[in-house]
Amino acid sequence: MNTTIESERTGQQAEQFRLAKSLGVMAIAASALTHEYGATINYVSTNSLGVYPGIQDLVPWAMFAAGLLLIPKVYLYVRFSNIMPRAGSVYVWMSRSLSLPVSFVLCFLDWVGLTAAMGFIAFVFGTFLGQAFISAGISAGSVLMTPVGHLLFGIVVIWAFYAAHVVGVHIYGRMVTALAALIFAAVIVIVWYGFTTDPGSFASLASAQTKLQLAPPANPVAPTVSTFVAVTFLFIAAYGGLTGAPALGGEARNPSKTVPMGLFLGWASALVLYTAVAAALFHAVPWWATLGLIEGKASGLATVPGLISVVAPKVIGITLNFAVAVIVGKTIMPQMMVCSRLVFGFAQDHVMPATFLHTSRWKTPDHALLLSAGAASLFLIQSCFGGWAIGIVIRSFTVLLMLIFVGLGALNVAFNSRFHGIDWAEKMKSSAWGAIMAIAAIAISLYLLYAGLIVPNTPWFLQPLFQGIVAAVVAIWIYSGAHRRADAKGMTLAQVATNLPLE
């Protein structure tokens, strides 16, 4: 059995690398930032009031808290990506430090969460672009904000990004770097108008524009800790894009250095930008005005560009609307990259069919990209007809669940004697902070999951816990099939995880 596995590995290592090794630290950092900065800050930060109105003006603090609570995750991801940078990233780390079947089931859940997020982004892209056209005086933009418009436009967007991916990761690197520059430019405009706008001015201008009576409640109820934690849980999805860095471990130059540095820079940039934008926005726009817009069916203005365009000169508002539309929609690109590299990692370990190791002539995993784009299209349909919050909560759920088991894997390496003498494991154990951060990551994740897992006013079959169980059942079925195929070839999947994959 072992001879078969070793001969396959020897043959694989004798081949030329399937993936191109062409990206540097700036492209990796841009990949993480563009994966993170998108719909959550521009849409969910304000529309969270529609789900949790009790959060009131604490939204910026919840956004900041979500980023700080992920410090243990950043530490663990930096350590793992320094020691074993691979295309499968988290899947490879957990399968080697914990268990291959457990890692596959969890990472399949993560893959489902990512494709759900892609479907949500494709859905909300129509809202942003439609609002941009309307702000420019093109009324036909309202078509993009209907369920059918969301669906048709979202399908086009998903498959356009699939086509862009197939032509090479170097093109991906250039695109995300340019988009990161666009993000910084948009943030400067948003922060400037946010902090220089009087809240009273916004309320009067928005009331005149929408014909809604926007006024503070007579007897507001103070926010509760449980509501704050629930919204913080929701915003965890905003930082889920950290995987946009380590997923490029198979395509980076000098990956042991460039991937950890890119990951850290991506997280730090997102933390600063998210906090600045949220603080500026809620300085200019009273929470009760945002809630009034949502309840008054003027949700197109309850977005970052929509709210800012109320107070900014028309040309600035129009430009910002189109810029943010692009910023939101582009998030699909790094998400699709991460999804495809996860599937590629599964295939390297024989857990998914070898067809997903296939690459285009530009050395991109085209079959894995095809599968990911197809799943995202299904979640787009759910977002169009089941509600926007589902995709975001599924993503937050999987981000935290993955962090728990990455932490457990780090603890297992630190205290399990079977890892003695293994090179990568000895490197992991060289820092005492690993175990401390792993315990902190597990504790924080469990608390946030407990506080925010159930979505208010949502049917049971659309709850993330139920959908997570369904995804886990599908993953177990896939793994069982892989186990049978391995047995038929005289292989054992457990033996596969004793070595690191080639890429």
Protein backbone atom coordinates (compact mmCIF):
# COMPACT_ATOMS: atom_id res chain seq x y z
CA MET A 1 0.00 0.00 0.00
CA ASN A 2 2.67 2.44 1.05
CA THR A 3 4.73 1.54 -2.01
CA THR A 4 1.87 2.62 -4.27
CA ILE A 5 1.57 5.98 -2.53
CA GLU A 6 5.31 6.63 -2.58
CA SER A 7 5.60 5.73 -6.26
CA GLU A 8 2.75 8.13 -7.07
CA ARG A 9 4.44 10.87 -5.03
CA THR A 10 7.78 10.26 -6.72
CA GLY A 11 6.17 10.45 -10.12
CA GLN A 12 4.32 13.62 -9.14
CA GLN A 13 7.45 15.31 -7.84
CA ALA A 14 9.30 14.40 -11.01
CA GLU A 15 6.76 16.38 -13.01
CA GLN A 16 6.99 20.08 -13.57
CA PHE A 17 4.94 22.10 -11.09
CA ARG A 18 1.36 22.43 -12.24
CA LEU A 19 0.93 25.95 -10.82
CA ALA A 20 2.90 29.05 -11.81
CA LYS A 21 5.26 30.51 -9.16
CA SER A 22 4.99 34.19 -10.02
CA LEU A 23 3.52 36.34 -7.21
CA GLY A 24 5.32 38.62 -4.73
CA VAL A 25 4.36 40.03 -1.35
CA MET A 26 2.39 43.04 -2.68
CA ALA A 27 0.18 40.87 -4.88
CA ILE A 28 -0.43 38.49 -1.96
CA ALA A 29 -1.31 41.36 0.40
CA ALA A 30 -3.59 42.83 -2.27
CA SER A 31 -5.24 39.42 -2.67
CA ALA A 32 -6.06 39.34 1.05
CA LEU A 33 -7.26 42.97 1.12
CA THR A 34 -9.42 42.68 -2.00
CA HIS A 35 -10.87 39.46 -0.59
CA GLU A 36 -11.73 41.26 2.64
CA TYR A 37 -12.76 44.78 1.61
CA GLY A 38 -16.06 44.64 -0.22
CA ALA A 39 -19.72 44.11 0.54
CA THR A 40 -19.44 43.76 4.31
CA ILE A 41 -18.17 47.28 4.91
CA ASN A 42 -20.11 48.89 2.05
CA TYR A 43 -23.43 47.09 2.47
CA VAL A 44 -23.63 44.90 5.56
CA SER A 45 -22.19 47.51 7.95
CA THR A 46 -25.25 49.70 7.46
CA ASN A 47 -27.83 47.04 6.59
CA SER A 48 -26.94 45.13 9.78
CA LEU A 49 -29.34 47.57 11.43
CA GLY A 50 -32.15 45.92 9.49
CA VAL A 51 -31.34 42.58 11.14
CA TYR A 52 -30.14 43.87 14.52
CA PRO A 53 -31.63 47.38 15.00
CA GLY A 54 -30.59 47.34 18.66
CA ILE A 55 -26.92 47.80 17.70
CA GLN A 56 -27.62 51.50 16.97
CA ASP A 57 -24.43 53.59 16.72
CA LEU A 58 -22.09 50.85 17.96
CA VAL A 59 -21.58 49.42 14.46
CA PRO A 60 -18.05 50.91 14.07
CA TRP A 61 -17.02 49.43 17.42
CA ALA A 62 -18.38 46.03 16.41
CA MET A 63 -16.38 46.20 13.17
CA PHE A 64 -13.22 47.11 15.08
CA ALA A 65 -13.84 44.42 17.71
CA ALA A 66 -14.27 41.75 15.03
CA GLY A 67 -10.83 42.56 13.63
CA LEU A 68 -9.12 42.56 17.03
CA LEU A 69 -10.73 39.27 18.03
CA LEU A 70 -9.03 37.67 15.04
CA ILE A 71 -5.50 38.44 16.25
CA PRO A 72 -5.07 34.80 17.38
CA LYS A 73 -6.18 33.70 13.90
CA VAL A 74 -3.67 36.01 12.23
CA TYR A 75 -0.88 34.65 14.42
CA LEU A 76 -1.74 31.00 13.72
CA TYR A 77 -2.16 31.58 9.98
CA VAL A 78 1.15 33.42 9.79
CA ARG A 79 2.92 30.56 11.59
CA PHE A 80 1.36 27.83 9.44
CA SER A 81 1.91 29.71 6.18
CA ASN A 82 5.54 30.31 7.12
CA ILE A 83 6.16 26.62 7.82
CA MET A 84 4.03 24.93 5.15
CA PRO A 85 2.81 27.30 2.43
CA ARG A 86 0.65 25.30 0.05
CA ALA A 87 -2.21 25.84 -2.40
CA GLY A 88 -4.63 24.03 -0.09
CA SER A 89 -3.58 26.32 2.81
CA VAL A 90 -5.89 25.65 5.79
CA TYR A 91 -6.84 22.21 4.49
CA VAL A 92 -3.18 21.15 4.34
CA TRP A 93 -2.46 22.57 7.79
CA MET A 94 -5.33 20.75 9.48
CA SER A 95 -4.97 17.49 7.59
CA ARG A 96 -1.32 17.26 8.72
CA SER A 97 -1.74 18.61 12.25
CA LEU A 98 -5.07 17.01 13.13
CA SER A 99 -6.79 14.54 10.79
CA LEU A 100 -7.28 14.24 7.04
CA PRO A 101 -11.00 13.27 7.13
CA VAL A 102 -11.79 15.94 9.74
CA SER A 103 -9.89 18.52 7.73
CA PHE A 104 -11.68 17.63 4.53
CA VAL A 105 -15.15 17.83 6.09
CA LEU A 106 -14.37 21.19 7.69
CA CYS A 107 -12.69 22.63 4.61
CA PHE A 108 -15.56 21.43 2.44
CA LEU A 109 -17.79 23.43 4.79
CA ASP A 110 -15.44 26.36 4.29
CA TRP A 111 -15.64 25.89 0.54
CA VAL A 112 -19.44 25.92 0.77
CA GLY A 113 -19.26 29.07 2.91
CA LEU A 114 -17.02 30.76 0.35
CA THR A 115 -19.22 29.83 -2.59
CA ALA A 116 -22.22 31.08 -0.57
CA ALA A 117 -20.39 34.37 -0.08
CA MET A 118 -19.65 34.50 -3.82
CA GLY A 119 -23.35 34.08 -4.54
CA PHE A 120 -24.17 36.89 -2.10
CA ILE A 121 -21.58 39.21 -3.66
CA ALA A 122 -22.92 38.50 -7.15
CA PHE A 123 -26.38 39.35 -5.82
CA VAL A 124 -25.45 42.59 -4.07
CA PHE A 125 -23.28 43.74 -6.98
CA GLY A 126 -26.54 44.45 -8.82
CA THR A 127 -27.69 46.74 -5.99
CA PHE A 128 -24.51 48.80 -6.08
CA LEU A 129 -24.30 49.05 -9.85
CA GLY A 130 -28.03 49.74 -10.20
CA GLN A 131 -27.75 52.54 -7.63
CA ALA A 132 -24.74 53.92 -9.49
CA PHE A 133 -26.69 54.11 -12.75
CA ILE A 134 -29.68 55.70 -11.03
CA SER A 135 -27.43 58.31 -9.41
CA ALA A 136 -26.14 59.14 -12.89
CA GLY A 137 -29.71 59.67 -14.12
CA ILE A 138 -30.01 56.32 -15.92
CA SER A 139 -33.31 54.91 -14.64
CA ALA A 140 -32.76 51.57 -16.39
CA GLY A 141 -30.35 50.77 -13.54
CA SER A 142 -33.38 49.84 -11.43
CA VAL A 143 -33.67 46.64 -13.48
CA LEU A 144 -30.46 45.39 -11.82
CA MET A 145 -32.12 45.75 -8.42
CA THR A 146 -35.03 43.40 -9.18
CA PRO A 147 -34.77 39.66 -8.32
CA VAL A 148 -34.52 38.71 -12.00
CA GLY A 149 -32.00 41.48 -12.65
CA HIS A 150 -29.91 40.36 -9.69
CA LEU A 151 -29.97 36.79 -11.00
CA LEU A 152 -29.09 37.46 -14.64
CA PHE A 153 -26.44 40.07 -13.88
CA GLY A 154 -24.96 37.93 -11.10
CA ILE A 155 -24.61 34.93 -13.41
CA VAL A 156 -22.76 37.05 -15.97
CA VAL A 157 -20.41 38.42 -13.29
CA ILE A 158 -19.56 35.00 -11.82
CA TRP A 159 -18.69 33.48 -15.17
CA ALA A 160 -16.79 36.54 -16.35
CA PHE A 161 -14.51 36.19 -13.33
CA TYR A 162 -14.14 32.48 -14.08
CA ALA A 163 -12.89 33.38 -17.56
CA ALA A 164 -10.48 35.97 -16.11
CA HIS A 165 -9.01 33.38 -13.73
CA VAL A 166 -8.34 30.80 -16.39
CA VAL A 167 -5.87 33.03 -18.26
CA GLY A 168 -3.23 33.02 -15.52
CA VAL A 169 -2.44 33.89 -11.90
CA HIS A 170 -0.08 36.69 -12.99
CA ILE A 171 -3.09 38.48 -14.47
CA TYR A 172 -4.90 37.89 -11.17
CA GLY A 173 -1.99 39.46 -9.27
CA ARG A 174 -2.01 42.57 -11.42
CA MET A 175 -5.77 42.97 -11.15
CA VAL A 176 -5.96 42.68 -7.36
CA THR A 177 -3.05 45.11 -6.96
CA ALA A 178 -4.85 47.71 -9.11
CA LEU A 179 -8.09 47.09 -7.22
CA ALA A 180 -6.33 47.57 -3.87
CA ALA A 181 -5.27 51.03 -5.07
CA LEU A 182 -8.90 51.76 -6.00
CA ILE A 183 -9.96 50.72 -2.48
CA PHE A 184 -7.57 53.19 -0.85
CA ALA A 185 -8.76 56.01 -3.13
CA ALA A 186 -12.42 55.31 -2.33
CA VAL A 187 -11.71 55.18 1.41
CA ILE A 188 -10.08 58.62 1.32
CA VAL A 189 -13.22 60.10 -0.25
CA ILE A 190 -15.59 58.32 2.15
CA VAL A 191 -13.63 59.28 5.26
CA TRP A 192 -13.33 62.93 4.15
CA TYR A 193 -17.06 63.40 3.58
CA GLY A 194 -17.99 61.28 6.58
CA PHE A 195 -16.08 63.35 9.11
CA THR A 196 -16.87 66.74 7.52
CA THR A 197 -20.64 66.21 7.28
CA ASP A 198 -23.02 67.39 9.98
CA PRO A 199 -25.50 64.62 10.96
CA GLY A 200 -28.40 67.05 10.93
CA SER A 201 -27.60 68.06 7.37
CA PHE A 202 -27.66 64.46 6.20
CA ALA A 203 -31.02 63.74 7.86
CA SER A 204 -32.68 66.78 6.28
CA LEU A 205 -31.20 66.09 2.82
CA ALA A 206 -32.14 62.40 2.91
CA SER A 207 -35.68 63.22 4.09
CA ALA A 208 -36.12 65.67 1.21
CA GLN A 209 -34.77 63.17 -1.32
CA THR A 210 -36.82 60.16 -0.19
CA LYS A 211 -39.92 61.91 1.27
CA LEU A 212 -39.40 59.86 4.44
CA GLN A 213 -39.66 61.28 7.94
CA LEU A 214 -36.25 60.56 9.41
CA ALA A 215 -36.24 61.42 13.09
CA PRO A 216 -34.65 59.93 16.22
CA PRO A 217 -36.86 57.66 18.37
CA ALA A 218 -38.56 59.33 21.30
CA ASN A 219 -37.46 56.67 23.78
CA PRO A 220 -34.48 54.72 22.41
CA VAL A 221 -33.52 51.51 24.16
CA ALA A 222 -29.83 51.14 24.98
CA PRO A 223 -27.90 48.52 22.99
CA THR A 224 -27.35 45.18 24.71
CA VAL A 225 -24.21 43.10 24.98
CA SER A 226 -25.90 40.21 23.20
CA THR A 227 -26.78 42.42 20.22
CA PHE A 228 -23.24 43.80 20.05
CA VAL A 229 -21.77 40.30 20.06
CA ALA A 230 -24.25 39.11 17.42
CA VAL A 231 -23.27 41.96 15.08
CA THR A 232 -19.58 41.35 15.81
CA PHE A 233 -20.19 37.73 14.77
CA LEU A 234 -21.81 38.98 11.55
CA PHE A 235 -18.77 41.15 10.80
CA ILE A 236 -16.36 38.23 11.19
CA ALA A 237 -17.16 37.54 7.53
CA ALA A 238 -15.47 40.83 6.66
CA TYR A 239 -12.12 39.41 7.77
CA GLY A 240 -12.66 35.97 6.26
CA GLY A 241 -10.70 37.19 3.27
CA LEU A 242 -7.44 36.54 5.09
CA THR A 243 -7.40 33.22 3.24
CA GLY A 244 -6.79 35.23 0.07
CA ALA A 245 -3.10 35.22 1.06
CA PRO A 246 -2.21 31.65 2.16
CA ALA A 247 -4.25 30.09 -0.67
CA LEU A 248 -1.55 31.45 -3.00
CA GLY A 249 1.13 29.41 -1.23
CA GLY A 250 1.54 27.26 -4.33
CA GLU A 251 1.97 30.26 -6.63
CA ALA A 252 4.16 32.66 -4.64
CA ARG A 253 7.84 33.39 -5.01
CA ASN A 254 9.72 32.54 -1.80
CA PRO A 255 6.38 31.60 -0.19
CA SER A 256 7.67 31.04 3.36
CA LYS A 257 8.35 34.78 3.58
CA THR A 258 6.02 36.45 1.09
CA VAL A 259 2.82 34.64 2.15
CA PRO A 260 3.03 35.41 5.92
CA MET A 261 3.98 39.02 5.25
CA GLY A 262 1.20 39.45 2.70
CA LEU A 263 -1.31 37.91 5.09
CA PHE A 264 -0.36 40.26 7.94
CA LEU A 265 -0.40 43.34 5.72
CA GLY A 266 -3.81 42.37 4.36
CA TRP A 267 -5.32 42.01 7.86
CA ALA A 268 -3.75 45.22 9.20
CA SER A 269 -4.92 47.22 6.17
CA ALA A 270 -8.45 45.88 6.45
CA LEU A 271 -8.63 46.64 10.18
CA VAL A 272 -7.59 50.27 9.66
CA LEU A 273 -9.76 50.85 6.58
CA TYR A 274 -12.86 49.17 8.03
CA THR A 275 -12.65 51.14 11.25
CA ALA A 276 -12.04 54.45 9.49
CA VAL A 277 -14.91 53.99 7.04
CA ALA A 278 -17.41 52.77 9.64
CA ALA A 279 -16.53 55.58 12.06
CA ALA A 280 -16.76 58.25 9.36
CA LEU A 281 -20.03 56.86 8.05
CA PHE A 282 -21.79 56.72 11.40
CA HIS A 283 -20.44 60.17 12.25
CA ALA A 284 -22.24 61.66 9.25
CA VAL A 285 -25.31 59.40 9.24
CA PRO A 286 -27.27 58.88 12.48
CA TRP A 287 -28.14 55.24 13.05
CA TRP A 288 -31.84 56.06 13.23
CA ALA A 289 -31.66 57.70 9.79
CA THR A 290 -30.08 54.58 8.31
CA LEU A 291 -32.73 52.40 9.95
CA GLY A 292 -35.45 54.72 8.65
CA LEU A 293 -34.13 54.36 5.10
CA ILE A 294 -34.11 50.57 5.40
CA GLU A 295 -37.63 50.44 6.82
CA GLY A 296 -38.82 52.97 4.24
CA LYS A 297 -37.74 50.70 1.36
CA ALA A 298 -34.97 53.11 0.38
CA SER A 299 -32.27 50.51 0.98
CA GLY A 300 -30.38 51.70 -2.10
CA LEU A 301 -29.32 54.70 -0.01
CA ALA A 302 -28.53 52.49 2.98
CA THR A 303 -25.11 51.63 1.58
CA VAL A 304 -21.82 53.46 1.95
CA PRO A 305 -21.85 55.12 -1.51
CA GLY A 306 -25.58 55.74 -1.34
CA LEU A 307 -25.37 57.52 1.99
CA ILE A 308 -22.30 59.56 1.05
CA SER A 309 -23.83 60.58 -2.30
CA VAL A 310 -26.62 62.33 -0.39
CA VAL A 311 -24.17 64.93 0.95
CA ALA A 312 -21.40 64.95 -1.67
CA PRO A 313 -21.48 66.87 -4.96
CA LYS A 314 -23.24 64.91 -7.66
CA VAL A 315 -20.14 64.13 -9.69
CA ILE A 316 -18.39 62.80 -6.57
CA GLY A 317 -21.41 60.72 -5.61
CA ILE A 318 -21.74 59.20 -9.08
CA THR A 319 -18.01 58.41 -9.31
CA LEU A 320 -17.99 56.89 -5.83
CA ASN A 321 -21.06 54.79 -6.60
CA PHE A 322 -19.39 53.24 -9.63
CA ALA A 323 -16.06 52.80 -7.81
CA VAL A 324 -17.67 51.02 -4.87
CA ALA A 325 -19.74 48.86 -7.22
CA VAL A 326 -16.49 47.62 -8.75
CA ILE A 327 -14.91 47.21 -5.29
CA VAL A 328 -17.83 45.08 -4.12
CA GLY A 329 -18.08 42.97 -7.24
CA LYS A 330 -14.35 42.30 -7.46
CA THR A 331 -14.50 40.32 -4.18
CA ILE A 332 -15.73 37.37 -6.18
CA MET A 333 -12.32 37.15 -7.85
CA PRO A 334 -10.20 36.32 -4.76
CA GLN A 335 -13.01 34.20 -3.34
CA MET A 336 -13.04 32.10 -6.49
CA MET A 337 -9.26 31.79 -6.30
CA VAL A 338 -9.41 30.45 -2.73
CA CYS A 339 -12.24 28.03 -3.57
CA SER A 340 -10.40 26.60 -6.56
CA ARG A 341 -7.15 26.15 -4.63
CA LEU A 342 -8.98 24.31 -1.86
CA VAL A 343 -10.43 21.88 -4.41
CA PHE A 344 -6.97 21.56 -5.97
CA GLY A 345 -5.61 20.69 -2.51
CA PHE A 346 -8.33 18.07 -2.01
CA ALA A 347 -7.39 16.47 -5.33
CA GLN A 348 -3.68 16.40 -4.45
CA ASP A 349 -4.58 14.14 -1.51
CA HIS A 350 -6.85 11.93 -3.67
CA VAL A 351 -9.93 13.00 -1.67
CA MET A 352 -11.53 14.49 -4.77
CA PRO A 353 -11.13 13.17 -8.32
CA ALA A 354 -7.86 13.80 -10.13
CA THR A 355 -9.66 15.88 -12.75
CA PHE A 356 -9.48 18.79 -10.31
CA LEU A 357 -5.68 18.75 -10.65
CA HIS A 358 -6.12 19.68 -14.29
CA THR A 359 -4.70 23.08 -15.20
CA SER A 360 -5.17 25.36 -18.20
CA ARG A 361 -2.27 26.15 -20.50
CA TRP A 362 -1.70 29.21 -18.27
CA LYS A 363 -1.26 26.90 -15.24
CA THR A 364 -4.50 27.70 -13.42
CA PRO A 365 -6.72 24.92 -11.97
CA ASP A 366 -9.52 25.36 -14.49
CA HIS A 367 -11.65 22.35 -13.49
CA ALA A 368 -11.57 23.40 -9.84
CA LEU A 369 -12.54 26.92 -10.93
CA LEU A 370 -15.42 25.50 -12.95
CA LEU A 371 -16.81 23.63 -9.94
CA SER A 372 -16.53 26.70 -7.69
CA ALA A 373 -18.24 29.01 -10.18
CA GLY A 374 -21.09 26.52 -10.58
CA ALA A 375 -21.69 26.31 -6.83
CA ALA A 376 -21.59 30.11 -6.52
CA SER A 377 -24.31 30.33 -9.17
CA LEU A 378 -26.57 28.15 -7.03
CA PHE A 379 -26.01 30.32 -3.97
CA LEU A 380 -26.75 33.39 -6.10
CA ILE A 381 -30.23 31.96 -6.67
CA GLN A 382 -30.64 31.50 -2.90
CA SER A 383 -29.53 35.08 -2.23
CA CYS A 384 -32.01 36.40 -4.80
CA PHE A 385 -34.99 34.61 -3.33
CA GLY A 386 -34.00 33.67 0.25
CA GLY A 387 -32.44 36.82 1.71
CA TRP A 388 -29.02 38.53 1.74
CA ALA A 389 -28.10 37.71 5.36
CA ILE A 390 -27.88 33.97 4.79
CA GLY A 391 -24.70 33.98 2.71
CA ILE A 392 -22.94 36.32 5.14
CA VAL A 393 -23.90 34.32 8.25
CA ILE A 394 -22.86 31.04 6.60
CA ARG A 395 -19.48 32.64 5.88
CA SER A 396 -19.08 33.89 9.46
CA PHE A 397 -20.05 30.44 10.74
CA THR A 398 -17.45 28.64 8.62
CA VAL A 399 -14.69 31.20 9.35
CA LEU A 400 -15.09 30.63 13.10
CA LEU A 401 -15.50 26.87 12.80
CA MET A 402 -12.32 26.62 10.76
CA LEU A 403 -10.46 28.74 13.30
CA ILE A 404 -11.49 26.42 16.13
CA PHE A 405 -9.99 23.42 14.38
CA VAL A 406 -6.86 25.23 13.22
CA GLY A 407 -6.37 26.01 16.92
CA LEU A 408 -6.96 22.37 17.85
CA GLY A 409 -4.43 21.33 15.23
CA ALA A 410 -1.83 23.70 16.67
CA LEU A 411 -2.44 22.28 20.15
CA ASN A 412 -2.22 18.73 18.83
CA VAL A 413 1.16 19.46 17.27
CA ALA A 414 2.37 21.07 20.50
CA PHE A 415 1.40 18.20 22.84
CA ASN A 416 1.04 15.00 20.79
CA SER A 417 4.17 12.83 20.89
CA ARG A 418 3.57 11.49 17.36
CA PHE A 419 4.89 14.78 15.97
CA HIS A 420 8.29 14.46 17.66
CA GLY A 421 11.11 14.64 15.14
CA ILE A 422 8.96 15.84 12.24
CA ASP A 423 10.62 18.89 10.72
CA TRP A 424 7.59 21.13 10.16
CA ALA A 425 6.08 20.15 13.52
CA GLU A 426 9.28 20.99 15.41
CA LYS A 427 9.21 24.43 13.80
CA MET A 428 5.60 24.91 14.92
CA LYS A 429 6.51 23.97 18.50
CA SER A 430 9.46 26.35 18.65
CA SER A 431 7.26 29.22 19.89
CA ALA A 432 5.29 29.05 23.14
CA TRP A 433 2.85 31.62 21.74
CA GLY A 434 1.39 29.00 19.41
CA ALA A 435 -0.47 27.15 22.16
CA ILE A 436 -1.58 30.39 23.84
CA MET A 437 -2.99 31.82 20.61
CA ALA A 438 -4.64 28.50 19.77
CA ILE A 439 -6.51 28.47 23.10
CA ALA A 440 -7.55 32.11 22.63
CA ALA A 441 -8.76 31.42 19.09
CA ILE A 442 -10.89 28.48 20.23
CA ALA A 443 -12.43 30.39 23.16
CA ILE A 444 -13.26 33.50 21.08
CA SER A 445 -14.75 31.44 18.25
CA LEU A 446 -16.97 29.37 20.53
CA TYR A 447 -18.33 32.48 22.24
CA LEU A 448 -19.12 34.25 18.97
CA LEU A 449 -20.73 31.15 17.50
CA TYR A 450 -22.96 30.77 20.54
CA ALA A 451 -24.04 34.41 20.38
CA GLY A 452 -24.71 34.84 16.67
CA LEU A 453 -25.39 31.52 14.98
CA ILE A 454 -29.19 31.84 14.75
CA VAL A 455 -30.43 34.43 12.25
CA PRO A 456 -33.60 36.25 13.47
CA ASN A 457 -36.79 35.87 11.42
CA THR A 458 -35.30 33.22 9.15
CA PRO A 459 -36.79 29.75 8.37
CA TRP A 460 -34.99 26.73 9.84
CA PHE A 461 -34.00 25.37 6.43
CA LEU A 462 -32.15 28.61 5.66
CA GLN A 463 -30.34 28.76 9.00
CA PRO A 464 -26.53 28.38 8.66
CA LEU A 465 -26.47 25.55 11.22
CA PHE A 466 -28.86 23.45 9.14
CA GLN A 467 -27.05 24.24 5.90
CA GLY A 468 -23.76 23.46 7.61
CA ILE A 469 -25.08 20.02 8.61
CA VAL A 470 -26.21 19.38 5.04
CA ALA A 471 -22.77 20.38 3.73
CA ALA A 472 -21.08 18.12 6.30
CA VAL A 473 -23.21 15.16 5.17
CA VAL A 474 -22.24 15.81 1.55
CA ALA A 475 -18.56 16.04 2.57
CA ILE A 476 -18.73 12.73 4.43
CA TRP A 477 -20.33 11.12 1.37
CA ILE A 478 -17.53 12.47 -0.88
CA TYR A 479 -14.85 11.29 1.54
CA SER A 480 -16.41 7.82 1.78
CA GLY A 481 -16.28 7.53 -1.99
CA ALA A 482 -12.65 8.62 -1.99
CA HIS A 483 -11.86 6.04 0.69
CA ARG A 484 -13.40 3.27 -1.42
CA ARG A 485 -11.45 4.37 -4.52
CA ALA A 486 -8.22 4.41 -2.51
CA ASP A 487 -8.87 0.90 -1.15
CA ALA A 488 -9.46 -0.35 -4.68
CA LYS A 489 -6.01 0.99 -5.65
CA GLY A 490 -4.29 -0.50 -2.61
CA MET A 491 -3.85 2.93 -0.97
CA THR A 492 -4.74 4.38 2.43
CA LEU A 493 -5.77 8.02 2.62
CA ALA A 494 -4.39 8.32 6.15
CA GLN A 495 -0.91 7.61 4.80
CA VAL A 496 -1.28 10.48 2.33
CA ALA A 497 -1.34 12.98 5.20
CA THR A 498 2.04 11.89 6.54
CA ASN A 499 3.80 14.02 3.93
CA LEU A 500 3.26 17.55 2.66
CA PRO A 501 1.76 17.90 -0.82
CA LEU A 502 3.92 19.13 -3.67
CA GLU A 503 2.10 22.45 -4.09
